Amino acid sequence: MKAIVTGASGGLGLEFAKLLAAGGHDLVLVARSGDKLEAIAADLRARHGVAVDTVAQDLGVPGAAAALVARVPACDILINNAGFASHGRFDQLPSERIREELLLDVVTLTELTHAYLPGMRARGAGRIMNVASTAGFAPGPFMAVYYAAKAYVISFSQALSEELRGSGVTVTCLCPGATATGFAHRAEMAGTMLFGRLPVADATSVAKAGYTAMMAGKDLIVPGLWNKLIAYSSRISPRRLVLWMSRKMVEG
């Protein structure tokens, strides 16, 4: 079985690749950094004896999904992990960064799912994991685009999961909270309450929870008690309180 992992050069993507390789799956690893991918691929081949191909590609540009599908026409497992966040006042963010964020977090994820799903459905088997976030359960002042994008990913994934019921293909949405990856550094969030004063999970345990849920065919997984509380409280608390809490979590 062949698995595609996007954003595979570090963080959760790397941990997913390790789990899949240990499970005997051949891999296609996708990220912008070709050198990092090649080093990871060599290690996984040596450790697990699986085939590992690498694709050095920026998925945050128009046409990225089509370019990847042209190189890798089919897969049995698709993990849409690549993504990033913009932190700051919306009106002060560069328009090109907003466009890249939406392309990567929403458009490419959707297009890859749309491209690989028909083959899975025809074979009557397949696994798709879309990595969202606990951010998707609430609006996010000072991270408005990211929170909205992850809300889309949750809604999209659960809708597809229901559409595919009984088909042999499953869609799992992983919603981690703050996790020790390169995410906070890229989003310039190291000094926020979310990453500075609250519990931060390790990538290995989060990836394992997501992988286990995906292989079991679950539609939604929120790893960690603290994150479950955040997700649940966002649904039952007054909206003004949710907005205030969201702002305090990420405001610099």
C-alpha atoms as a PDB file:
ATOM      1  CA  MET A   1       0.000   0.000   0.000  1.00  0.00           C
ATOM      2  CA  LYS A   2       1.222   3.478  -0.880  1.00  0.00           C
ATOM      3  CA  ALA A   3       0.822   6.446   1.454  1.00  0.00           C
ATOM      4  CA  ILE A   4       1.339  10.118   0.634  1.00  0.00           C
ATOM      5  CA  VAL A   5       2.319  12.447   3.472  1.00  0.00           C
ATOM      6  CA  THR A   6       2.456  16.194   2.871  1.00  0.00           C
ATOM      7  CA  GLY A   7       4.552  18.435   5.083  1.00  0.00           C
ATOM      8  CA  ALA A   8       6.754  15.411   5.773  1.00  0.00           C
ATOM      9  CA  SER A   9      10.088  17.119   6.456  1.00  0.00           C
ATOM     10  CA  GLY A  10       9.441  17.601  10.191  1.00  0.00           C
ATOM     11  CA  GLY A  11       6.883  17.802  12.990  1.00  0.00           C
ATOM     12  CA  LEU A  12       3.749  15.721  12.667  1.00  0.00           C
ATOM     13  CA  GLY A  13       4.446  14.858   9.030  1.00  0.00           C
ATOM     14  CA  LEU A  14       7.734  13.205   9.937  1.00  0.00           C
ATOM     15  CA  GLU A  15       6.081  11.284  12.777  1.00  0.00           C
ATOM     16  CA  PHE A  16       3.331  10.061  10.436  1.00  0.00           C
ATOM     17  CA  ALA A  17       5.979   8.893   7.983  1.00  0.00           C
ATOM     18  CA  LYS A  18       7.735   6.919  10.716  1.00  0.00           C
ATOM     19  CA  LEU A  19       4.504   5.237  11.798  1.00  0.00           C
ATOM     20  CA  LEU A  20       3.511   4.353   8.249  1.00  0.00           C
ATOM     21  CA  ALA A  21       6.944   2.964   7.421  1.00  0.00           C
ATOM     22  CA  ALA A  22       6.926   0.870  10.605  1.00  0.00           C
ATOM     23  CA  GLY A  23       3.560  -0.476   9.463  1.00  0.00           C
ATOM     24  CA  GLY A  24       5.065  -1.615   6.160  1.00  0.00           C
ATOM     25  CA  HIS A  25       3.619   1.076   3.906  1.00  0.00           C
ATOM     26  CA  ASP A  26       5.511   2.409   0.915  1.00  0.00           C
ATOM     27  CA  LEU A  27       5.721   6.190   1.072  1.00  0.00           C
ATOM     28  CA  VAL A  28       5.716   9.358  -0.959  1.00  0.00           C
ATOM     29  CA  LEU A  29       6.996  12.226   1.175  1.00  0.00           C
ATOM     30  CA  VAL A  30       6.172  15.769   0.073  1.00  0.00           C
ATOM     31  CA  ALA A  31       7.613  19.048   1.344  1.00  0.00           C
ATOM     32  CA  ARG A  32       9.598  22.032   0.085  1.00  0.00           C
ATOM     33  CA  SER A  33      12.941  20.850   1.467  1.00  0.00           C
ATOM     34  CA  GLY A  34      14.347  18.177  -0.826  1.00  0.00           C
ATOM     35  CA  ASP A  35      17.509  17.592   1.199  1.00  0.00           C
ATOM     36  CA  LYS A  36      15.593  16.953   4.421  1.00  0.00           C
ATOM     37  CA  LEU A  37      13.211  14.603   2.646  1.00  0.00           C
ATOM     38  CA  GLU A  38      16.038  12.583   1.120  1.00  0.00           C
ATOM     39  CA  ALA A  39      17.711  12.132   4.501  1.00  0.00           C
ATOM     40  CA  ILE A  40      14.425  10.999   6.052  1.00  0.00           C
ATOM     41  CA  ALA A  41      13.722   8.662   3.139  1.00  0.00           C
ATOM     42  CA  ALA A  42      17.142   7.013   3.395  1.00  0.00           C
ATOM     43  CA  ASP A  43      16.656   6.412   7.108  1.00  0.00           C
ATOM     44  CA  LEU A  44      13.170   4.914   6.681  1.00  0.00           C
ATOM     45  CA  ARG A  45      14.313   2.645   3.854  1.00  0.00           C
ATOM     46  CA  ALA A  46      17.185   1.360   5.959  1.00  0.00           C
ATOM     47  CA  ARG A  47      15.079   0.842   9.083  1.00  0.00           C
ATOM     48  CA  HIS A  48      11.948  -0.685   7.589  1.00  0.00           C
ATOM     49  CA  GLY A  49      12.750  -1.917   4.089  1.00  0.00           C
ATOM     50  CA  VAL A  50       9.943   0.057   2.468  1.00  0.00           C
ATOM     51  CA  ALA A  51      10.014   2.044  -0.758  1.00  0.00           C
ATOM     52  CA  VAL A  52      10.177   5.780  -0.099  1.00  0.00           C
ATOM     53  CA  ASP A  53       9.944   8.392  -2.850  1.00  0.00           C
ATOM     54  CA  THR A  54      10.321  12.121  -2.254  1.00  0.00           C
ATOM     55  CA  VAL A  55       8.735  15.097  -3.961  1.00  0.00           C
ATOM     56  CA  ALA A  56      10.281  18.493  -3.246  1.00  0.00           C
ATOM     57  CA  GLN A  57       7.368  20.793  -3.987  1.00  0.00           C
ATOM     58  CA  ASP A  58       5.711  23.901  -2.598  1.00  0.00           C
ATOM     59  CA  LEU A  59       2.040  23.027  -2.082  1.00  0.00           C
ATOM     60  CA  GLY A  60       1.077  26.625  -1.304  1.00  0.00           C
ATOM     61  CA  VAL A  61       0.952  27.768  -4.933  1.00  0.00           C
ATOM     62  CA  PRO A  62      -1.793  27.547  -7.574  1.00  0.00           C
ATOM     63  CA  GLY A  63      -1.825  24.216  -9.406  1.00  0.00           C
ATOM     64  CA  ALA A  64       0.201  22.438  -6.721  1.00  0.00           C
ATOM     65  CA  ALA A  65      -2.245  19.565  -6.306  1.00  0.00           C
ATOM     66  CA  ALA A  66      -2.412  18.875 -10.034  1.00  0.00           C
ATOM     67  CA  ALA A  67       1.389  18.867 -10.255  1.00  0.00           C
ATOM     68  CA  LEU A  68       1.663  16.332  -7.433  1.00  0.00           C
ATOM     69  CA  VAL A  69      -1.037  14.089  -8.889  1.00  0.00           C
ATOM     70  CA  ALA A  70       0.754  14.143 -12.256  1.00  0.00           C
ATOM     71  CA  ARG A  71       3.827  12.691 -10.509  1.00  0.00           C
ATOM     72  CA  VAL A  72       1.944  10.339  -8.175  1.00  0.00           C
ATOM     73  CA  PRO A  73      -1.340   9.295  -9.845  1.00  0.00           C
ATOM     74  CA  ALA A  74      -2.730   7.084  -7.064  1.00  0.00           C
ATOM     75  CA  CYS A  75      -2.401   6.248  -3.394  1.00  0.00           C
ATOM     76  CA  ASP A  76      -4.083   4.122  -0.751  1.00  0.00           C
ATOM     77  CA  ILE A  77      -3.515   6.517   2.154  1.00  0.00           C
ATOM     78  CA  LEU A  78      -3.455  10.302   1.922  1.00  0.00           C
ATOM     79  CA  ILE A  79      -2.347  12.417   4.861  1.00  0.00           C
ATOM     80  CA  ASN A  80      -2.978  16.112   4.245  1.00  0.00           C
ATOM     81  CA  ASN A  81      -0.678  17.486   6.919  1.00  0.00           C
ATOM     82  CA  ALA A  82       1.020  20.481   5.306  1.00  0.00           C
ATOM     83  CA  GLY A  83      -0.115  23.844   6.604  1.00  0.00           C
ATOM     84  CA  PHE A  84       0.929  27.017   8.397  1.00  0.00           C
ATOM     85  CA  ALA A  85      -0.587  29.961  10.261  1.00  0.00           C
ATOM     86  CA  SER A  86      -0.338  33.732  10.081  1.00  0.00           C
ATOM     87  CA  HIS A  87      -0.304  35.552  13.414  1.00  0.00           C
ATOM     88  CA  GLY A  88      -1.208  39.223  13.706  1.00  0.00           C
ATOM     89  CA  ARG A  89      -3.832  41.792  12.828  1.00  0.00           C
ATOM     90  CA  PHE A  90      -5.597  40.716   9.641  1.00  0.00           C
ATOM     91  CA  ASP A  91      -5.375  44.145   7.994  1.00  0.00           C
ATOM     92  CA  GLN A  92      -1.604  44.213   8.545  1.00  0.00           C
ATOM     93  CA  LEU A  93      -0.835  40.808   7.037  1.00  0.00           C
ATOM     94  CA  PRO A  94       0.739  40.722   3.566  1.00  0.00           C
ATOM     95  CA  SER A  95      -1.860  39.719   0.984  1.00  0.00           C
ATOM     96  CA  GLU A  96       0.510  37.180  -0.553  1.00  0.00           C
ATOM     97  CA  ARG A  97       0.883  35.415   2.799  1.00  0.00           C
ATOM     98  CA  ILE A  98      -2.892  35.213   3.219  1.00  0.00           C
ATOM     99  CA  ARG A  99      -3.210  33.780  -0.279  1.00  0.00           C
ATOM    100  CA  GLU A 100      -0.491  31.175   0.371  1.00  0.00           C
ATOM    101  CA  GLU A 101      -2.077  30.192   3.679  1.00  0.00           C
ATOM    102  CA  LEU A 102      -5.478  29.623   2.094  1.00  0.00           C
ATOM    103  CA  LEU A 103      -3.983  27.778  -0.854  1.00  0.00           C
ATOM    104  CA  LEU A 104      -2.028  25.412   1.376  1.00  0.00           C
ATOM    105  CA  ASP A 105      -4.458  24.951   4.277  1.00  0.00           C
ATOM    106  CA  VAL A 106      -7.681  24.791   2.257  1.00  0.00           C
ATOM    107  CA  VAL A 107      -7.358  24.643  -1.537  1.00  0.00           C
ATOM    108  CA  THR A 108      -4.545  22.117  -1.986  1.00  0.00           C
ATOM    109  CA  LEU A 109      -5.957  19.891   0.763  1.00  0.00           C
ATOM    110  CA  THR A 110      -9.345  19.889  -0.974  1.00  0.00           C
ATOM    111  CA  GLU A 111      -7.920  19.331  -4.441  1.00  0.00           C
ATOM    112  CA  LEU A 112      -5.694  16.446  -3.354  1.00  0.00           C
ATOM    113  CA  THR A 113      -8.626  14.779  -1.626  1.00  0.00           C
ATOM    114  CA  HIS A 114     -10.753  15.256  -4.743  1.00  0.00           C
ATOM    115  CA  ALA A 115      -8.028  13.837  -6.978  1.00  0.00           C
ATOM    116  CA  TYR A 116      -7.201  10.694  -5.002  1.00  0.00           C
ATOM    117  CA  LEU A 117     -10.653   9.831  -3.649  1.00  0.00           C
ATOM    118  CA  PRO A 118     -12.164   8.384  -6.870  1.00  0.00           C
ATOM    119  CA  GLY A 119      -9.432   5.738  -7.127  1.00  0.00           C
ATOM    120  CA  MET A 120      -9.900   4.744  -3.494  1.00  0.00           C
ATOM    121  CA  ARG A 121     -13.640   4.531  -3.977  1.00  0.00           C
ATOM    122  CA  ALA A 122     -13.266   2.394  -7.102  1.00  0.00           C
ATOM    123  CA  ARG A 123     -11.020  -0.006  -5.165  1.00  0.00           C
ATOM    124  CA  GLY A 124     -13.365  -0.008  -2.194  1.00  0.00           C
ATOM    125  CA  ALA A 125     -10.566   0.829   0.230  1.00  0.00           C
ATOM    126  CA  GLY A 126      -8.609   3.858   1.354  1.00  0.00           C
ATOM    127  CA  ARG A 127      -7.712   6.129   4.229  1.00  0.00           C
ATOM    128  CA  ILE A 128      -7.602   9.935   4.231  1.00  0.00           C
ATOM    129  CA  MET A 129      -6.440  12.042   7.154  1.00  0.00           C
ATOM    130  CA  ASN A 130      -6.854  15.805   7.161  1.00  0.00           C
ATOM    131  CA  VAL A 131      -4.945  17.611   9.881  1.00  0.00           C
ATOM    132  CA  ALA A 132      -7.020  20.429  11.357  1.00  0.00           C
ATOM    133  CA  SER A 133      -6.678  21.887  14.857  1.00  0.00           C
ATOM    134  CA  THR A 134      -8.611  22.708  18.010  1.00  0.00           C
ATOM    135  CA  ALA A 135      -8.472  26.186  16.458  1.00  0.00           C
ATOM    136  CA  GLY A 136     -11.210  25.021  14.114  1.00  0.00           C
ATOM    137  CA  PHE A 137     -13.751  24.913  16.928  1.00  0.00           C
ATOM    138  CA  ALA A 138     -13.712  28.688  17.541  1.00  0.00           C
ATOM    139  CA  PRO A 139     -13.111  32.045  15.817  1.00  0.00           C
ATOM    140  CA  GLY A 140      -9.549  33.259  16.275  1.00  0.00           C
ATOM    141  CA  PRO A 141      -8.805  36.968  16.628  1.00  0.00           C
ATOM    142  CA  PHE A 142      -5.240  37.689  15.453  1.00  0.00           C
ATOM    143  CA  MET A 143      -5.232  34.337  13.624  1.00  0.00           C
ATOM    144  CA  ALA A 144      -8.508  34.839  11.782  1.00  0.00           C
ATOM    145  CA  VAL A 145      -7.524  33.107   8.541  1.00  0.00           C
ATOM    146  CA  TYR A 146      -5.980  30.055  10.209  1.00  0.00           C
ATOM    147  CA  TYR A 147      -8.893  29.439  12.586  1.00  0.00           C
ATOM    148  CA  ALA A 148     -11.385  29.807   9.736  1.00  0.00           C
ATOM    149  CA  ALA A 149      -9.343  27.497   7.520  1.00  0.00           C
ATOM    150  CA  LYS A 150      -9.265  24.783  10.174  1.00  0.00           C
ATOM    151  CA  ALA A 151     -13.023  25.145  10.739  1.00  0.00           C
ATOM    152  CA  TYR A 152     -13.380  24.433   7.024  1.00  0.00           C
ATOM    153  CA  VAL A 153     -11.157  21.355   7.282  1.00  0.00           C
ATOM    154  CA  ILE A 154     -13.222  19.920  10.155  1.00  0.00           C
ATOM    155  CA  SER A 155     -16.544  20.526   8.390  1.00  0.00           C
ATOM    156  CA  PHE A 156     -15.256  19.262   5.043  1.00  0.00           C
ATOM    157  CA  SER A 157     -13.744  16.113   6.540  1.00  0.00           C
ATOM    158  CA  GLN A 158     -16.782  15.128   8.569  1.00  0.00           C
ATOM    159  CA  ALA A 159     -19.107  15.723   5.621  1.00  0.00           C
ATOM    160  CA  LEU A 160     -16.970  13.467   3.425  1.00  0.00           C
ATOM    161  CA  SER A 161     -16.801  10.845   6.146  1.00  0.00           C
ATOM    162  CA  GLU A 162     -20.588  10.629   6.121  1.00  0.00           C
ATOM    163  CA  GLU A 163     -20.759  10.586   2.312  1.00  0.00           C
ATOM    164  CA  LEU A 164     -18.328   7.670   2.254  1.00  0.00           C
ATOM    165  CA  ARG A 165     -20.052   5.601   4.917  1.00  0.00           C
ATOM    166  CA  GLY A 166     -20.061   1.943   3.819  1.00  0.00           C
ATOM    167  CA  SER A 167     -17.730   2.547   0.851  1.00  0.00           C
ATOM    168  CA  GLY A 168     -14.563   1.117   2.423  1.00  0.00           C
ATOM    169  CA  VAL A 169     -12.959   4.576   2.354  1.00  0.00           C
ATOM    170  CA  THR A 170     -12.700   6.613   5.531  1.00  0.00           C
ATOM    171  CA  VAL A 171     -11.847  10.234   6.286  1.00  0.00           C
ATOM    172  CA  THR A 172     -10.320  11.144   9.639  1.00  0.00           C
ATOM    173  CA  CYS A 173      -9.873  14.688  10.903  1.00  0.00           C
ATOM    174  CA  LEU A 174      -7.092  15.150  13.468  1.00  0.00           C
ATOM    175  CA  CYS A 175      -7.501  18.192  15.714  1.00  0.00           C
ATOM    176  CA  PRO A 176      -4.398  18.686  17.860  1.00  0.00           C
ATOM    177  CA  GLY A 177      -3.849  21.607  20.174  1.00  0.00           C
ATOM    178  CA  ALA A 178      -0.497  23.255  20.782  1.00  0.00           C
ATOM    179  CA  THR A 179       2.188  20.772  19.735  1.00  0.00           C
ATOM    180  CA  ALA A 180       5.980  20.941  19.826  1.00  0.00           C
ATOM    181  CA  THR A 181       6.765  21.319  16.116  1.00  0.00           C
ATOM    182  CA  GLY A 182       8.080  24.144  13.959  1.00  0.00           C
ATOM    183  CA  PHE A 183       4.563  25.620  13.770  1.00  0.00           C
ATOM    184  CA  ALA A 184       4.929  28.186  16.572  1.00  0.00           C
ATOM    185  CA  HIS A 185       8.258  29.469  15.243  1.00  0.00           C
ATOM    186  CA  ARG A 186       6.950  29.969  11.713  1.00  0.00           C
ATOM    187  CA  ALA A 187       3.809  31.695  13.032  1.00  0.00           C
ATOM    188  CA  GLU A 188       5.871  33.853  15.443  1.00  0.00           C
ATOM    189  CA  MET A 189       3.843  32.625  18.419  1.00  0.00           C
ATOM    190  CA  ALA A 190       6.534  31.511  20.857  1.00  0.00           C
ATOM    191  CA  GLY A 191       5.658  34.283  23.328  1.00  0.00           C
ATOM    192  CA  THR A 192       1.901  33.720  23.378  1.00  0.00           C
ATOM    193  CA  MET A 193      -0.077  32.111  26.183  1.00  0.00           C
ATOM    194  CA  LEU A 194      -0.899  29.155  23.923  1.00  0.00           C
ATOM    195  CA  PHE A 195       2.728  28.150  23.437  1.00  0.00           C
ATOM    196  CA  GLY A 196       4.335  29.838  26.434  1.00  0.00           C
ATOM    197  CA  ARG A 197       2.176  29.064  29.473  1.00  0.00           C
ATOM    198  CA  LEU A 198      -0.210  26.228  28.597  1.00  0.00           C
ATOM    199  CA  PRO A 199       0.469  22.495  28.051  1.00  0.00           C
ATOM    200  CA  VAL A 200       2.232  21.686  24.776  1.00  0.00           C
ATOM    201  CA  ALA A 201       1.988  18.119  23.459  1.00  0.00           C
ATOM    202  CA  ASP A 202       4.851  16.235  21.833  1.00  0.00           C
ATOM    203  CA  ALA A 203       4.524  15.458  18.144  1.00  0.00           C
ATOM    204  CA  THR A 204       5.102  11.717  18.573  1.00  0.00           C
ATOM    205  CA  SER A 205       2.081  11.161  20.811  1.00  0.00           C
ATOM    206  CA  VAL A 206      -0.181  13.386  18.710  1.00  0.00           C
ATOM    207  CA  ALA A 207       0.788  11.606  15.499  1.00  0.00           C
ATOM    208  CA  LYS A 208       0.273   8.202  17.100  1.00  0.00           C
ATOM    209  CA  ALA A 209      -3.227   9.197  18.255  1.00  0.00           C
ATOM    210  CA  GLY A 210      -4.076  10.406  14.757  1.00  0.00           C
ATOM    211  CA  TYR A 211      -2.595   7.352  13.038  1.00  0.00           C
ATOM    212  CA  THR A 212      -4.462   4.960  15.332  1.00  0.00           C
ATOM    213  CA  ALA A 213      -7.733   6.808  14.743  1.00  0.00           C
ATOM    214  CA  MET A 214      -7.192   6.829  10.977  1.00  0.00           C
ATOM    215  CA  MET A 215      -6.492   3.105  10.810  1.00  0.00           C
ATOM    216  CA  ALA A 216      -9.601   2.477  12.928  1.00  0.00           C
ATOM    217  CA  GLY A 217     -11.704   4.578  10.540  1.00  0.00           C
ATOM    218  CA  LYS A 218     -12.730   7.216  13.092  1.00  0.00           C
ATOM    219  CA  ASP A 219     -13.993  10.487  11.674  1.00  0.00           C
ATOM    220  CA  LEU A 220     -12.673  12.888  14.342  1.00  0.00           C
ATOM    221  CA  ILE A 221      -9.875  12.708  16.909  1.00  0.00           C
ATOM    222  CA  VAL A 222      -8.951  15.379  19.459  1.00  0.00           C
ATOM    223  CA  PRO A 223      -5.908  14.036  21.355  1.00  0.00           C
ATOM    224  CA  GLY A 224      -5.404  15.007  24.991  1.00  0.00           C
ATOM    225  CA  LEU A 225      -7.827  15.855  27.781  1.00  0.00           C
ATOM    226  CA  TRP A 226      -6.962  19.565  27.752  1.00  0.00           C
ATOM    227  CA  ASN A 227      -7.696  19.789  24.032  1.00  0.00           C
ATOM    228  CA  LYS A 228     -10.980  17.909  24.414  1.00  0.00           C
ATOM    229  CA  LEU A 229     -12.023  20.429  27.058  1.00  0.00           C
ATOM    230  CA  ILE A 230     -11.150  23.328  24.740  1.00  0.00           C
ATOM    231  CA  ALA A 231     -13.138  21.800  21.875  1.00  0.00           C
ATOM    232  CA  TYR A 232     -16.157  21.030  24.051  1.00  0.00           C
ATOM    233  CA  SER A 233     -16.189  24.354  25.886  1.00  0.00           C
ATOM    234  CA  SER A 234     -16.029  26.227  22.571  1.00  0.00           C
ATOM    235  CA  ARG A 235     -19.326  24.617  21.602  1.00  0.00           C
ATOM    236  CA  ILE A 236     -21.262  25.331  24.806  1.00  0.00           C
ATOM    237  CA  SER A 237     -19.809  28.633  26.056  1.00  0.00           C
ATOM    238  CA  PRO A 238     -21.252  32.059  25.162  1.00  0.00           C
ATOM    239  CA  ARG A 239     -19.753  33.298  21.901  1.00  0.00           C
ATOM    240  CA  ARG A 240     -18.342  36.479  23.458  1.00  0.00           C
ATOM    241  CA  LEU A 241     -16.506  34.392  26.051  1.00  0.00           C
ATOM    242  CA  VAL A 242     -15.110  32.100  23.342  1.00  0.00           C
ATOM    243  CA  LEU A 243     -13.842  35.104  21.390  1.00  0.00           C
ATOM    244  CA  TRP A 244     -12.221  36.615  24.488  1.00  0.00           C
ATOM    245  CA  MET A 245     -10.516  33.336  25.376  1.00  0.00           C
ATOM    246  CA  SER A 246      -9.320  32.822  21.806  1.00  0.00           C
ATOM    247  CA  ARG A 247      -7.833  36.311  21.754  1.00  0.00           C
ATOM    248  CA  LYS A 248      -6.017  35.848  25.075  1.00  0.00           C
ATOM    249  CA  MET A 249      -4.515  32.557  23.902  1.00  0.00           C
ATOM    250  CA  VAL A 250      -2.734  34.027  20.902  1.00  0.00           C
ATOM    251  CA  GLU A 251      -2.458  37.768  21.483  1.00  0.00           C
ATOM    252  CA  GLY A 252       1.174  38.823  21.607  1.00  0.00           C
END
